[in-house]
Protein backbone atom coordinates (compact mmCIF):
# COMPACT_ATOMS: atom_id res chain seq x y z
CA MET A 1 -11.15 63.84 -8.51
CA THR A 2 -11.58 65.54 -11.89
CA ALA A 3 -9.21 66.41 -14.64
CA MET A 4 -8.37 69.89 -15.78
CA SER A 5 -11.13 71.25 -18.04
CA THR A 6 -10.32 72.87 -21.33
CA SER A 7 -11.79 76.12 -22.60
CA ASN A 8 -13.58 74.64 -25.62
CA ALA A 9 -15.16 71.67 -23.90
CA ARG A 10 -18.82 70.73 -23.76
CA THR A 11 -20.36 69.78 -20.43
CA VAL A 12 -23.00 66.97 -20.62
CA PRO A 13 -24.69 64.80 -18.10
CA ILE A 14 -23.19 61.29 -17.63
CA ASP A 15 -26.10 59.67 -19.56
CA GLU A 16 -25.54 61.79 -22.58
CA ALA A 17 -21.88 61.09 -22.44
CA VAL A 18 -22.49 57.37 -22.50
CA GLY A 19 -24.19 57.80 -25.92
CA ILE A 20 -21.59 60.19 -27.24
CA LEU A 21 -18.47 58.17 -26.10
CA GLY A 22 -20.08 54.67 -26.80
CA VAL A 23 -19.06 53.34 -23.44
CA SER A 24 -20.91 52.23 -20.29
CA ARG A 25 -21.89 54.44 -17.41
CA ARG A 26 -19.43 52.50 -15.17
CA THR A 27 -16.47 53.16 -17.60
CA ILE A 28 -17.30 56.88 -17.47
CA GLU A 29 -17.42 56.83 -13.64
CA ARG A 30 -14.04 55.00 -13.61
CA ARG A 31 -12.52 57.49 -15.94
CA LEU A 32 -13.86 60.36 -13.85
CA ALA A 33 -12.34 58.80 -10.70
CA LYS A 34 -8.93 58.17 -12.38
CA GLY A 35 -8.86 61.72 -13.89
CA GLU A 36 -8.98 60.48 -17.46
CA LEU A 37 -12.14 62.45 -18.05
CA ALA A 38 -12.87 65.90 -16.67
CA GLY A 39 -16.10 66.43 -14.81
CA ARG A 40 -17.88 68.01 -11.88
CA ARG A 41 -20.65 67.27 -9.51
CA ASP A 42 -23.84 69.21 -9.97
CA GLY A 43 -25.77 68.26 -6.80
CA ARG A 44 -26.13 64.57 -6.94
CA ALA A 45 -25.35 64.17 -10.69
CA TRP A 46 -22.17 64.24 -12.57
CA LEU A 47 -21.45 66.54 -15.51
CA VAL A 48 -18.80 65.33 -17.83
CA GLU A 49 -16.64 67.71 -19.86
CA LEU A 50 -16.14 66.50 -23.41
CA PRO A 51 -13.51 67.99 -25.68
CA ALA A 52 -15.04 69.88 -28.61
CA THR A 53 -13.39 67.30 -30.85
CA ALA A 54 -15.41 64.33 -29.39
CA PRO A 55 -17.96 63.16 -32.00
CA THR A 56 -21.47 63.71 -31.15
CA GLU A 57 -23.98 60.79 -31.39
CA VAL A 58 -25.65 62.53 -34.39
CA GLU A 59 -22.32 62.86 -36.24
CA GLU A 60 -21.62 59.14 -35.51
CA LEU A 61 -25.02 58.16 -36.71
CA ARG A 62 -24.61 60.31 -39.92
CA ALA A 63 -21.31 58.60 -40.56
CA ARG A 64 -22.85 55.20 -40.02
CA VAL A 65 -25.80 56.04 -42.42
CA VAL A 66 -23.26 57.07 -45.09
CA GLU A 67 -21.30 53.76 -44.61
CA LEU A 68 -24.48 51.74 -44.71
CA THR A 69 -25.73 53.53 -47.88
CA ALA A 70 -22.45 52.74 -49.54
CA ASN A 71 -22.79 49.07 -48.48
CA VAL A 72 -26.43 48.96 -49.83
CA GLU A 73 -25.29 50.44 -53.11
CA GLN A 74 -22.51 47.95 -53.40
CA LEU A 75 -24.77 45.07 -52.61
CA THR A 76 -27.34 46.34 -55.04
CA ALA A 77 -24.70 46.39 -57.85
CA THR A 78 -23.52 42.93 -56.76
CA ASP A 79 -27.19 41.87 -56.65
CA GLY A 80 -27.73 43.02 -60.26
CA GLN A 81 -24.64 40.96 -61.26
CA THR A 82 -25.83 38.01 -59.29
CA HIS A 83 -29.26 38.10 -61.06
CA ALA A 84 -27.58 38.32 -64.40
CA ARG A 85 -25.34 35.34 -63.53
CA LEU A 86 -28.35 33.39 -62.17
CA ALA A 87 -30.21 33.99 -65.49
CA GLU A 88 -27.16 32.67 -67.42
CA LEU A 89 -27.10 29.57 -65.23
CA GLU A 90 -30.80 29.01 -65.43
CA LYS A 91 -30.42 29.06 -69.29
CA ALA A 92 -27.58 26.70 -69.14
CA LEU A 93 -29.47 24.43 -66.86
CA ALA A 94 -32.40 24.37 -69.28
CA VAL A 95 -30.17 23.45 -72.07
CA ALA A 96 -28.50 20.65 -70.08
CA GLU A 97 -31.92 19.28 -68.99
CA ALA A 98 -33.12 19.31 -72.75
CA ARG A 99 -29.96 17.44 -73.75
CA LEU A 100 -30.43 14.97 -70.92
CA GLU A 101 -33.97 14.52 -71.91
CA SER A 102 -32.92 13.87 -75.58
CA ALA A 103 -30.09 11.44 -74.34
CA GLU A 104 -32.60 9.58 -72.28
CA ALA A 105 -35.10 9.22 -75.29
CA GLU A 106 -32.25 8.03 -77.56
CA ARG A 107 -31.22 5.56 -74.93
CA THR A 108 -34.66 4.24 -74.66
CA TYR A 109 -34.88 3.99 -78.49
CA LEU A 110 -31.51 2.10 -78.65
CA ARG A 111 -32.68 -0.24 -75.97
CA GLN A 112 -35.90 -1.08 -77.84
CA ALA A 113 -33.88 -1.41 -81.08
CA LEU A 114 -31.55 -3.82 -79.46
CA ALA A 115 -34.37 -5.84 -77.92
CA ALA A 116 -35.98 -6.00 -81.31
CA SER A 117 -32.79 -7.05 -83.07
CA LEU A 118 -32.18 -9.84 -80.33
CA THR A 119 -35.74 -11.06 -80.95
CA LEU A 120 -35.33 -11.11 -84.71
CA SER A 121 -32.00 -12.83 -84.60
CA GLN A 122 -33.37 -15.54 -82.29
CA LYS A 123 -36.25 -16.08 -84.77
CA LEU A 124 -33.88 -16.21 -87.77
CA LEU A 125 -31.25 -18.62 -86.14
CA PRO A 126 -32.35 -22.20 -86.04
CA GLU A 127 -33.22 -23.63 -82.67
CA ARG A 128 -30.18 -25.46 -81.25
CA THR A 129 -30.78 -28.94 -80.06
CA GLU A 130 -28.59 -31.72 -78.87
CA SER A 131 -28.23 -33.21 -82.30
CA ASN A 132 -27.16 -29.96 -83.74
CA ARG A 133 -23.35 -29.48 -83.44
CA PRO A 134 -21.68 -26.08 -83.27
CA TRP A 135 -20.49 -24.97 -86.66
CA TRP A 136 -16.78 -25.41 -85.93
CA ARG A 137 -17.45 -29.12 -85.17
CA VAL A 138 -18.63 -29.60 -88.87
CA PHE A 139 -15.01 -29.07 -89.96
CA SER A 140 -13.31 -31.12 -87.28
CA ARG A 141 -14.58 -34.52 -88.54
């Protein structure tokens, strides 16, 4: 069972129609059987009549190439912005690392100064023994 053919239709083998329409061979056979697609038998093979407005595989590929090219250009522009942002972040990281290193050096210096101060204060203060009373006890008697 075939549908009515139009005057400006292209007739192509079923395998070519698969590529043009982007559907499986079985789907085309089903559409031919239901009359959704026009076609005719040529010996053992089917020829499918496609409307002239049906996009060809080449046209679809060209459209896809244009779309992918636009995507690549957009990604390239975004990639350039990403590289610029990455460079900014690397600079900020270098500054933060330098500040951290400076803070760690200052911390080490302050710890050493505190240790030296404690050692010095222990040397300057008299050794506390049992006979020595705390300073506030001096006034309590």
